[in-house]
N, C-alpha and C. Protein backbone atom coordinates (compact mmCIF):
# COMPACT_ATOMS: atom_id res chain seq x y z
N UNK A 1 177.04 86.02 33.46
CA UNK A 1 175.41 86.38 34.12
C UNK A 1 174.27 85.60 33.57
N UNK A 2 173.86 85.14 32.48
CA UNK A 2 172.37 84.28 31.93
C UNK A 2 172.60 82.96 32.02
N UNK A 3 174.07 82.68 31.85
CA UNK A 3 173.78 81.43 32.34
C UNK A 3 173.78 80.94 34.01
N UNK A 4 174.98 82.08 34.93
CA UNK A 4 174.50 81.65 35.97
C UNK A 4 173.02 82.17 36.87
N UNK A 5 172.26 82.86 36.10
CA UNK A 5 170.55 83.21 36.87
C UNK A 5 170.05 82.24 36.37
N UNK A 6 170.00 81.81 34.55
CA UNK A 6 169.37 80.37 34.50
C UNK A 6 169.96 79.50 35.63
N UNK A 7 170.88 78.88 35.93
CA UNK A 7 170.92 77.96 36.62
C UNK A 7 170.52 78.14 38.37
N UNK A 8 170.71 78.96 38.69
CA UNK A 8 169.93 79.41 40.08
C UNK A 8 168.78 79.52 40.04
N UNK A 9 167.48 80.27 38.74
CA UNK A 9 166.47 79.89 38.43
C UNK A 9 166.03 78.33 38.49
N UNK A 10 166.41 77.76 37.48
CA UNK A 10 166.78 76.05 37.85
C UNK A 10 166.28 75.36 39.06
N UNK A 11 167.54 75.99 40.01
CA UNK A 11 167.74 75.58 40.90
C UNK A 11 166.55 75.56 42.36
N UNK A 12 166.40 77.31 41.83
CA UNK A 12 164.74 77.78 43.54
C UNK A 12 163.82 76.59 42.33
N UNK A 13 163.40 76.24 41.26
CA UNK A 13 162.37 75.65 41.32
C UNK A 13 162.38 73.89 41.59
N UNK A 14 163.72 73.39 41.12
CA UNK A 14 163.77 72.28 42.21
C UNK A 14 163.51 72.01 43.28
N UNK A 15 164.32 72.87 43.91
CA UNK A 15 164.29 73.02 45.69
C UNK A 15 162.73 73.72 46.32
N UNK A 16 161.82 74.34 45.06
CA UNK A 16 160.38 74.35 45.55
C UNK A 16 159.47 73.33 45.61
N UNK A 17 160.16 72.52 43.87
CA UNK A 17 159.24 71.16 43.85
C UNK A 17 159.31 70.22 44.88
N UNK A 18 160.51 70.17 45.58
CA UNK A 18 161.02 69.07 46.15
C UNK A 18 160.27 69.66 47.73
N UNK A 19 160.11 70.97 47.87
CA UNK A 19 159.70 71.04 49.54
C UNK A 19 158.17 71.35 49.02
N UNK A 20 157.24 71.35 47.87
CA UNK A 20 156.18 70.87 47.75
C UNK A 20 155.84 69.48 47.86
N UNK A 21 156.75 68.65 47.58
CA UNK A 21 156.55 67.18 47.80
C UNK A 21 156.57 66.92 48.94
N UNK A 22 157.42 67.11 49.60
CA UNK A 22 157.58 67.24 51.01
C UNK A 22 156.45 66.90 51.63
N UNK A 23 155.89 68.66 52.13
CA UNK A 23 154.69 68.73 52.61
C UNK A 23 153.46 68.26 52.16
N UNK A 24 153.18 67.65 50.82
CA UNK A 24 152.27 67.29 50.58
C UNK A 24 151.72 65.76 50.92
N UNK A 25 153.41 65.45 51.53
CA UNK A 25 153.22 63.83 52.68
C UNK A 25 152.15 64.16 53.54
N UNK A 26 152.32 65.25 54.24
CA UNK A 26 151.12 65.81 55.18
C UNK A 26 150.05 65.86 55.18
N UNK A 27 149.61 66.08 53.96
CA UNK A 27 148.35 65.70 53.35
C UNK A 27 147.37 64.95 53.31
N UNK A 28 146.28 64.44 53.83
CA UNK A 28 146.36 62.89 53.58
C UNK A 28 144.65 63.01 52.89
N UNK A 29 144.98 63.05 51.55
CA UNK A 29 144.19 62.95 50.74
C UNK A 29 143.16 61.52 50.32
N UNK A 30 144.29 60.76 50.63
CA UNK A 30 144.08 59.12 50.60
C UNK A 30 142.51 58.70 51.23
N UNK A 31 142.86 59.22 52.25
CA UNK A 31 141.88 59.08 53.63
C UNK A 31 140.70 59.75 53.24
N UNK A 32 140.78 60.65 52.56
CA UNK A 32 139.21 61.22 51.98
C UNK A 32 138.68 60.50 50.38
N UNK A 33 139.37 60.25 49.74
CA UNK A 33 139.22 59.38 48.69
C UNK A 33 139.56 58.25 48.39
N UNK A 34 139.76 57.68 49.72
CA UNK A 34 139.73 55.79 50.14
C UNK A 34 140.85 55.00 48.78
N UNK A 35 141.49 56.20 48.14
CA UNK A 35 142.18 55.64 47.01
C UNK A 35 143.75 55.64 47.57
N UNK A 36 144.64 54.56 47.45
CA UNK A 36 145.80 54.08 48.20
C UNK A 36 146.60 55.10 46.87
N UNK A 37 147.60 56.14 47.12
CA UNK A 37 148.23 56.72 46.69
C UNK A 37 147.74 58.13 45.76
N UNK A 38 147.19 58.34 46.34
CA UNK A 38 145.75 59.72 45.55
C UNK A 38 146.90 60.87 46.61
N UNK A 39 147.19 61.71 45.67
CA UNK A 39 148.17 62.71 46.10
C UNK A 39 147.18 64.35 45.38
N UNK A 40 147.42 65.19 45.72
CA UNK A 40 147.36 66.57 45.28
C UNK A 40 147.95 67.28 44.09
N UNK A 41 149.50 66.36 43.87
CA UNK A 41 150.52 66.61 43.01
C UNK A 41 151.07 68.42 42.81
N UNK A 42 151.26 68.69 44.07
CA UNK A 42 151.71 69.56 44.35
C UNK A 42 152.64 70.19 43.76
N UNK A 43 154.08 69.34 43.55
CA UNK A 43 155.07 69.39 42.94
C UNK A 43 154.86 69.71 41.36
N UNK A 44 153.63 69.55 41.13
CA UNK A 44 153.53 70.13 39.66
C UNK A 44 153.07 71.50 39.16
N UNK A 45 152.47 72.04 40.42
CA UNK A 45 152.71 73.39 40.20
C UNK A 45 153.90 74.29 39.50
N UNK A 46 155.29 73.35 40.16
CA UNK A 46 156.55 74.22 39.55
C UNK A 46 157.14 73.51 38.08
N UNK A 47 156.20 72.13 37.77
CA UNK A 47 156.63 72.00 36.40
C UNK A 47 155.61 72.44 35.47
N UNK A 48 154.31 73.24 35.56
CA UNK A 48 153.60 74.67 35.36
C UNK A 48 154.35 75.84 34.90
N UNK A 49 154.51 76.21 36.32
CA UNK A 49 155.91 77.44 36.29
C UNK A 49 157.24 77.44 35.02
N UNK A 50 157.69 76.08 35.37
CA UNK A 50 158.73 75.52 34.41
C UNK A 50 158.52 75.94 33.08
N UNK A 51 156.85 75.21 32.38
CA UNK A 51 156.58 75.14 30.83
C UNK A 51 156.07 76.43 30.49
N UNK A 52 156.21 77.15 31.61
CA UNK A 52 155.55 78.37 30.92
C UNK A 52 156.73 79.52 30.81
N UNK A 53 158.01 79.31 31.44
CA UNK A 53 159.19 80.02 31.69
C UNK A 53 160.37 79.64 31.09
N UNK A 54 160.57 78.07 30.85
CA UNK A 54 161.84 77.26 30.41
C UNK A 54 161.74 76.90 28.93
N UNK A 55 162.47 76.28 28.40
CA UNK A 55 162.75 75.45 27.53
C UNK A 55 162.25 74.39 27.68
N UNK A 56 161.94 73.67 26.92
CA UNK A 56 161.63 72.29 26.85
C UNK A 56 163.23 71.37 27.32
N UNK A 57 164.06 71.66 27.26
CA UNK A 57 165.33 70.91 27.61
C UNK A 57 165.24 71.12 29.43
N UNK A 58 164.98 72.44 29.36
CA UNK A 58 165.52 72.65 30.76
C UNK A 58 163.84 72.38 31.81
N UNK A 59 163.09 72.57 31.15
CA UNK A 59 162.19 71.96 31.73
C UNK A 59 162.17 70.54 32.36
N UNK A 60 162.80 69.69 31.43
CA UNK A 60 163.35 68.34 31.67
C UNK A 60 163.92 67.93 32.89
N UNK A 61 164.98 69.34 32.96
CA UNK A 61 165.74 68.98 33.53
C UNK A 61 165.40 68.94 35.09
N UNK A 62 164.40 70.25 35.42
CA UNK A 62 163.94 70.42 36.75
C UNK A 62 163.13 69.03 36.94
N UNK A 63 162.21 68.54 35.91
CA UNK A 63 161.27 67.21 36.41
C UNK A 63 162.38 65.94 36.70
N UNK A 64 163.73 65.82 36.73
CA UNK A 64 164.55 64.61 36.66
C UNK A 64 165.40 64.87 37.97
N UNK A 65 165.34 66.31 38.00
CA UNK A 65 166.03 66.26 38.90
C UNK A 65 165.13 66.11 40.32
N UNK A 66 163.74 66.93 40.16
CA UNK A 66 163.23 67.02 41.07
C UNK A 66 162.74 65.54 41.75
N UNK A 67 162.40 64.90 40.73
CA UNK A 67 161.70 63.50 41.00
C UNK A 67 163.49 62.67 41.51
N UNK A 68 164.29 62.68 41.14
CA UNK A 68 165.68 61.68 41.45
C UNK A 68 165.36 62.19 42.98
N UNK A 69 165.83 63.57 43.12
CA UNK A 69 166.19 64.00 44.64
C UNK A 69 165.21 63.69 45.55
N UNK A 70 163.77 63.75 45.11
CA UNK A 70 162.51 63.23 45.88
C UNK A 70 162.63 62.05 46.55
N UNK A 71 162.79 61.43 45.58
CA UNK A 71 162.94 59.96 45.88
C UNK A 71 164.13 59.57 46.52
N UNK A 72 165.56 60.36 46.54
CA UNK A 72 166.54 59.54 47.34
C UNK A 72 166.41 60.41 49.11
N UNK A 73 165.59 61.52 48.92
CA UNK A 73 165.67 62.31 50.45
C UNK A 73 164.24 61.51 50.78
N UNK A 74 163.30 61.41 50.06
CA UNK A 74 162.21 61.20 51.24
C UNK A 74 161.03 59.76 50.21
N UNK A 75 162.14 58.86 49.28
CA UNK A 75 161.31 58.32 48.79
C UNK A 75 161.89 56.55 48.63
N UNK A 76 161.54 56.00 47.74
CA UNK A 76 162.65 54.99 47.34
C UNK A 76 162.47 54.72 45.83
N UNK A 77 163.35 53.62 45.29
CA UNK A 77 163.03 53.44 43.61
C UNK A 77 162.42 52.67 43.39
N UNK A 78 161.02 52.45 43.79
CA UNK A 78 159.78 52.26 43.41
C UNK A 78 159.33 53.59 43.23
N UNK A 79 159.49 54.30 44.20
CA UNK A 79 158.86 56.17 43.90
C UNK A 79 159.11 56.72 43.12
N UNK A 80 160.30 56.32 42.72
CA UNK A 80 160.83 57.16 41.47
C UNK A 80 160.69 56.34 40.30
N UNK A 81 160.32 55.23 40.73
CA UNK A 81 159.89 54.99 38.95
C UNK A 81 158.12 55.30 38.75
N UNK A 82 157.88 55.10 39.70
CA UNK A 82 155.94 55.39 39.98
C UNK A 82 156.07 56.85 39.44
N UNK A 83 157.06 57.92 39.95
CA UNK A 83 157.26 59.35 39.69
C UNK A 83 157.53 59.99 38.32
N UNK A 84 158.43 59.01 38.02
CA UNK A 84 159.14 59.90 36.91
C UNK A 84 158.05 59.08 35.52
N UNK A 85 157.75 58.06 36.15
CA UNK A 85 156.72 57.83 34.66
C UNK A 85 155.35 58.17 34.65
N UNK A 86 154.66 58.92 35.94
CA UNK A 86 154.03 59.40 35.99
C UNK A 86 154.62 61.33 35.09
N UNK A 87 155.60 61.97 35.48
CA UNK A 87 156.18 62.66 35.45
C UNK A 87 156.57 63.03 34.16
N UNK A 88 156.91 62.17 33.41
CA UNK A 88 157.15 62.24 32.07
C UNK A 88 156.40 62.38 30.93
N UNK A 89 155.08 61.40 31.52
CA UNK A 89 153.90 61.06 30.42
C UNK A 89 153.31 62.68 30.23
N UNK A 90 153.30 62.74 31.87
CA UNK A 90 152.53 64.32 32.53
C UNK A 90 153.20 65.34 31.40
N UNK A 91 154.04 65.65 31.59
CA UNK A 91 154.89 66.61 30.52
C UNK A 91 155.16 66.44 29.12
N UNK A 92 154.65 65.46 28.72
CA UNK A 92 154.48 65.42 27.34
C UNK A 92 153.05 65.96 27.11
N UNK A 93 151.85 65.62 27.67
CA UNK A 93 150.70 66.32 26.82
C UNK A 93 150.66 67.58 27.73
N UNK A 94 151.12 67.54 28.29
CA UNK A 94 151.22 69.87 28.81
C UNK A 94 152.38 70.38 27.83
N UNK A 95 153.30 69.97 27.46
CA UNK A 95 154.00 70.37 26.61
C UNK A 95 153.31 70.72 25.03
N UNK A 96 152.60 69.54 24.89
CA UNK A 96 151.50 69.69 23.42
C UNK A 96 150.62 70.67 23.77
N UNK A 97 149.86 70.34 24.68
CA UNK A 97 148.95 71.64 25.00
C UNK A 97 149.69 72.71 25.41
N UNK A 98 150.68 73.28 26.03
CA UNK A 98 150.49 74.24 26.15
C UNK A 98 150.73 75.23 24.76
N UNK A 99 151.44 74.65 23.87
CA UNK A 99 151.63 75.79 22.49
C UNK A 99 150.52 75.79 21.78
N UNK A 100 148.90 75.52 22.54
CA UNK A 100 148.12 75.96 21.95
C UNK A 100 147.67 77.11 22.75
N UNK A 101 147.75 78.32 22.42
CA UNK A 101 147.27 79.29 23.22
C UNK A 101 145.90 79.69 23.58
N UNK A 102 144.94 78.46 22.73
CA UNK A 102 143.89 79.10 23.71
C UNK A 102 143.32 77.87 24.39
N UNK A 103 144.25 76.96 25.02
CA UNK A 103 144.05 76.14 25.78
C UNK A 103 144.40 76.87 26.83
N UNK A 104 143.39 76.97 28.17
CA UNK A 104 144.10 77.50 29.26
C UNK A 104 144.60 76.73 30.22
N UNK A 105 145.39 77.25 30.91
CA UNK A 105 146.45 76.99 32.38
C UNK A 105 145.93 75.60 33.04
N UNK A 106 144.63 75.73 33.47
CA UNK A 106 144.10 75.19 34.34
C UNK A 106 143.64 73.83 33.79
N UNK A 107 143.08 73.69 32.40
CA UNK A 107 143.05 72.74 31.62
C UNK A 107 144.37 72.04 30.94
N UNK A 108 145.41 72.40 30.96
CA UNK A 108 146.29 72.19 30.58
C UNK A 108 146.90 70.74 31.85
N UNK A 109 146.69 71.93 33.12
CA UNK A 109 146.77 71.01 34.29
C UNK A 109 146.07 69.79 34.62
N UNK A 110 144.67 70.06 34.31
CA UNK A 110 143.92 68.87 34.66
C UNK A 110 144.43 67.40 33.85
N UNK A 111 144.45 67.63 32.79
CA UNK A 111 145.69 67.01 31.51
C UNK A 111 146.34 66.22 32.04
N UNK A 112 146.91 67.17 32.53
CA UNK A 112 148.64 66.90 33.10
C UNK A 112 147.98 66.03 34.04
N UNK A 113 147.08 66.43 35.22
CA UNK A 113 146.95 65.28 36.18
C UNK A 113 146.38 64.00 35.53
N UNK A 114 145.77 64.04 34.87
CA UNK A 114 145.17 62.35 34.07
C UNK A 114 146.39 61.97 34.13
N UNK A 115 147.22 62.21 32.99
CA UNK A 115 148.40 61.62 32.47
C UNK A 115 149.28 61.44 33.08
N UNK A 116 149.59 62.30 34.54
CA UNK A 116 150.39 61.62 35.28
C UNK A 116 149.76 60.40 36.25
N UNK A 117 148.74 60.14 36.24
CA UNK A 117 148.30 58.95 37.01
C UNK A 117 148.10 57.66 36.10
N UNK A 118 147.82 57.62 34.67
CA UNK A 118 147.51 56.77 33.84
C UNK A 118 149.08 56.63 33.63
N UNK A 119 150.22 57.48 33.23
CA UNK A 119 151.83 57.10 33.57
C UNK A 119 152.05 56.21 35.11
N UNK A 120 151.71 56.98 36.16
CA UNK A 120 152.25 55.69 37.19
C UNK A 120 151.71 54.75 37.02
N UNK A 121 149.82 54.59 36.56
CA UNK A 121 149.28 53.27 36.36
C UNK A 121 150.05 52.31 35.62
N UNK A 122 150.38 53.02 34.65
CA UNK A 122 151.10 51.88 33.64
C UNK A 122 152.09 51.54 34.45
N UNK A 123 153.22 52.13 34.85
CA UNK A 123 154.56 51.93 35.81
C UNK A 123 153.72 50.70 36.71
N UNK A 124 153.21 50.99 37.23
CA UNK A 124 152.97 50.13 38.16
C UNK A 124 152.26 48.53 37.79
N UNK A 125 151.79 48.66 37.31
CA UNK A 125 151.10 47.26 36.37
C UNK A 125 151.91 46.62 35.80
N UNK A 126 152.70 47.42 34.80
CA UNK A 126 154.02 46.82 34.73
C UNK A 126 155.22 46.15 35.54
N UNK A 127 154.77 46.48 36.16
CA UNK A 127 156.18 46.02 37.56
C UNK A 127 155.41 44.84 38.47
N UNK A 128 154.24 44.83 38.73
CA UNK A 128 153.49 43.74 38.94
C UNK A 128 153.09 42.92 38.19
N UNK A 129 153.26 43.07 36.73
CA UNK A 129 152.50 42.53 35.62
C UNK A 129 151.02 42.12 35.93
N UNK A 130 150.69 43.57 36.10
CA UNK A 130 148.78 42.71 36.00
C UNK A 130 148.44 44.25 35.86
N UNK A 131 147.97 44.21 34.36
CA UNK A 131 147.32 45.28 33.67
C UNK A 131 145.85 45.22 33.87
N UNK A 132 145.26 44.50 33.83
CA UNK A 132 144.02 44.65 34.52
C UNK A 132 143.59 45.55 35.80
N UNK A 133 145.18 45.75 36.66
CA UNK A 133 145.02 47.10 37.28
C UNK A 133 144.79 48.26 36.78
N UNK A 134 145.06 48.31 35.39
CA UNK A 134 144.66 49.87 35.00
C UNK A 134 143.20 50.08 35.04
N UNK A 135 142.43 48.42 34.81
CA UNK A 135 141.38 49.10 34.15
C UNK A 135 140.10 49.32 35.55
N UNK A 136 140.85 48.47 36.61
CA UNK A 136 140.39 49.20 37.76
C UNK A 136 140.30 50.42 38.61
N UNK A 137 141.90 51.16 38.56
CA UNK A 137 142.03 52.25 39.32
C UNK A 137 141.89 53.57 38.42
N UNK A 138 141.97 53.12 36.91
CA UNK A 138 141.86 54.19 35.91
C UNK A 138 140.87 55.53 36.15
N UNK A 139 139.63 54.93 36.23
CA UNK A 139 137.95 55.88 36.44
C UNK A 139 137.85 56.19 37.84
N UNK A 140 138.97 55.62 39.09
CA UNK A 140 138.95 56.42 40.22
C UNK A 140 139.91 57.31 40.26
N UNK A 141 141.03 56.98 39.69
CA UNK A 141 141.92 58.80 39.25
C UNK A 141 141.73 59.63 38.56
N UNK A 142 141.67 59.19 37.25
CA UNK A 142 140.75 59.96 36.54
C UNK A 142 139.87 61.16 37.35
N UNK A 143 138.95 60.51 38.07
CA UNK A 143 137.69 61.47 38.81
C UNK A 143 138.33 62.39 39.98
N UNK A 144 139.81 61.74 40.21
CA UNK A 144 140.40 62.14 41.39
C UNK A 144 140.93 63.59 40.67
N UNK A 145 141.94 63.17 39.27
CA UNK A 145 142.64 64.40 38.39
C UNK A 145 141.75 65.65 38.57
N UNK A 146 140.70 65.09 37.98
CA UNK A 146 140.26 66.45 37.96
C UNK A 146 140.05 67.73 38.49
N UNK A 147 140.08 67.45 39.83
CA UNK A 147 139.71 68.53 41.03
C UNK A 147 141.18 68.62 42.15
N UNK A 148 142.12 67.51 41.49
CA UNK A 148 143.26 68.20 41.83
C UNK A 148 144.36 68.95 40.93
N UNK A 149 144.05 68.45 39.36
CA UNK A 149 144.25 69.41 37.81
C UNK A 149 143.69 70.89 38.24
N UNK A 150 142.54 70.79 38.73
CA UNK A 150 142.52 71.94 38.58
C UNK A 150 142.47 73.03 39.90
N UNK A 151 143.11 72.18 41.17
CA UNK A 151 143.80 73.28 41.84
C UNK A 151 145.39 73.36 41.53
N UNK A 152 145.51 72.18 41.35
CA UNK A 152 147.20 72.77 40.57
C UNK A 152 147.18 73.95 39.98
N UNK A 153 146.17 73.83 38.89
CA UNK A 153 146.28 74.77 37.84
C UNK A 153 146.08 76.15 37.87
N UNK A 154 145.00 76.21 39.21
CA UNK A 154 144.51 77.33 39.53
C UNK A 154 146.32 77.94 40.62
N UNK A 155 146.73 77.65 41.14
CA UNK A 155 147.69 77.20 41.92
C UNK A 155 148.82 78.60 40.91
N UNK A 156 149.05 77.40 39.97
CA UNK A 156 150.05 77.77 38.82
C UNK A 156 149.94 79.14 38.15
N UNK A 157 148.39 79.23 38.02
CA UNK A 157 147.84 80.10 37.07
C UNK A 157 148.50 81.60 38.46
N UNK A 158 147.78 81.47 39.73
CA UNK A 158 147.95 82.71 40.49
C UNK A 158 149.62 82.70 40.82
N UNK A 159 150.71 81.84 40.74
CA UNK A 159 152.20 82.05 40.73
C UNK A 159 152.60 82.50 39.68
N UNK A 160 152.38 82.10 38.60
CA UNK A 160 152.53 83.15 37.55
C UNK A 160 152.10 84.16 36.86
N UNK A 161 150.80 84.52 37.51
CA UNK A 161 150.62 85.78 37.41
C UNK A 161 151.34 86.70 38.54
N UNK A 162 151.98 86.23 39.43
CA UNK A 162 152.73 86.85 40.73
C UNK A 162 154.09 87.19 39.98
N UNK A 163 154.58 86.36 39.78
CA UNK A 163 155.98 86.32 38.86
C UNK A 163 156.01 86.68 37.60
N UNK A 164 155.07 87.07 36.82
CA UNK A 164 155.09 88.22 35.55
C UNK A 164 155.19 89.53 35.68
N UNK A 165 153.92 89.73 37.35
CA UNK A 165 154.19 91.29 37.38
C UNK A 165 154.98 91.44 38.56
N UNK A 166 155.88 90.90 39.02
CA UNK A 166 157.41 91.28 40.14
C UNK A 166 158.66 91.26 39.07
N UNK A 167 159.02 90.62 38.07
CA UNK A 167 159.61 89.97 37.03
C UNK A 167 160.69 89.21 38.01
N UNK A 168 160.24 87.89 38.89
CA UNK A 168 161.03 87.31 39.42
C UNK A 168 161.25 86.20 38.70
N UNK A 169 161.40 85.93 37.39
CA UNK A 169 161.27 84.61 36.95
C UNK A 169 162.29 84.76 35.63
N UNK A 170 163.26 83.71 35.23
CA UNK A 170 163.88 83.69 34.23
C UNK A 170 163.31 83.37 32.47
N UNK A 171 162.97 83.82 31.90
CA UNK A 171 162.40 83.28 30.89
C UNK A 171 163.56 82.92 29.74
N UNK A 172 163.17 81.22 29.58
CA UNK A 172 164.10 81.06 28.76
C UNK A 172 163.79 80.29 27.45
N UNK A 173 162.71 81.18 27.02
CA UNK A 173 161.91 80.43 25.82
C UNK A 173 162.11 81.46 24.65
């Protein structure tokens, strides 16, 4: 029963992340910011929920399956490379910060957004073999990561509060 419940919970998280990823395509944040590729990172709400409710291994499963299925359904191989690079680097920093109970979920989310951008930018620089790209884009992407990370963190905090009140989550930690 526990394995089935955990599998269903992980599957629901992956499906929710994919829906958020798809819906985000209709939000033209890059028009507002004038920075190509800038996004809110709504799927990271699910990563934050996963970090608080699942083991590290299962969070990685959510991340890998979400990025792979999203790339297959809505993107391309290059979008998979960029998304996975950002997601892994973001995951590492958020997992480390989550261990410190004094650091707020919103702060963790902001750092996650910053490191997601760093991961994607590093992958892009490696693909096009132009590492100066990082020095040009990184300051702008960090400025965008702060409000988007704040938004994602606030949404994650609200969703976790709801899940904890209703007991509609699987605690795997």
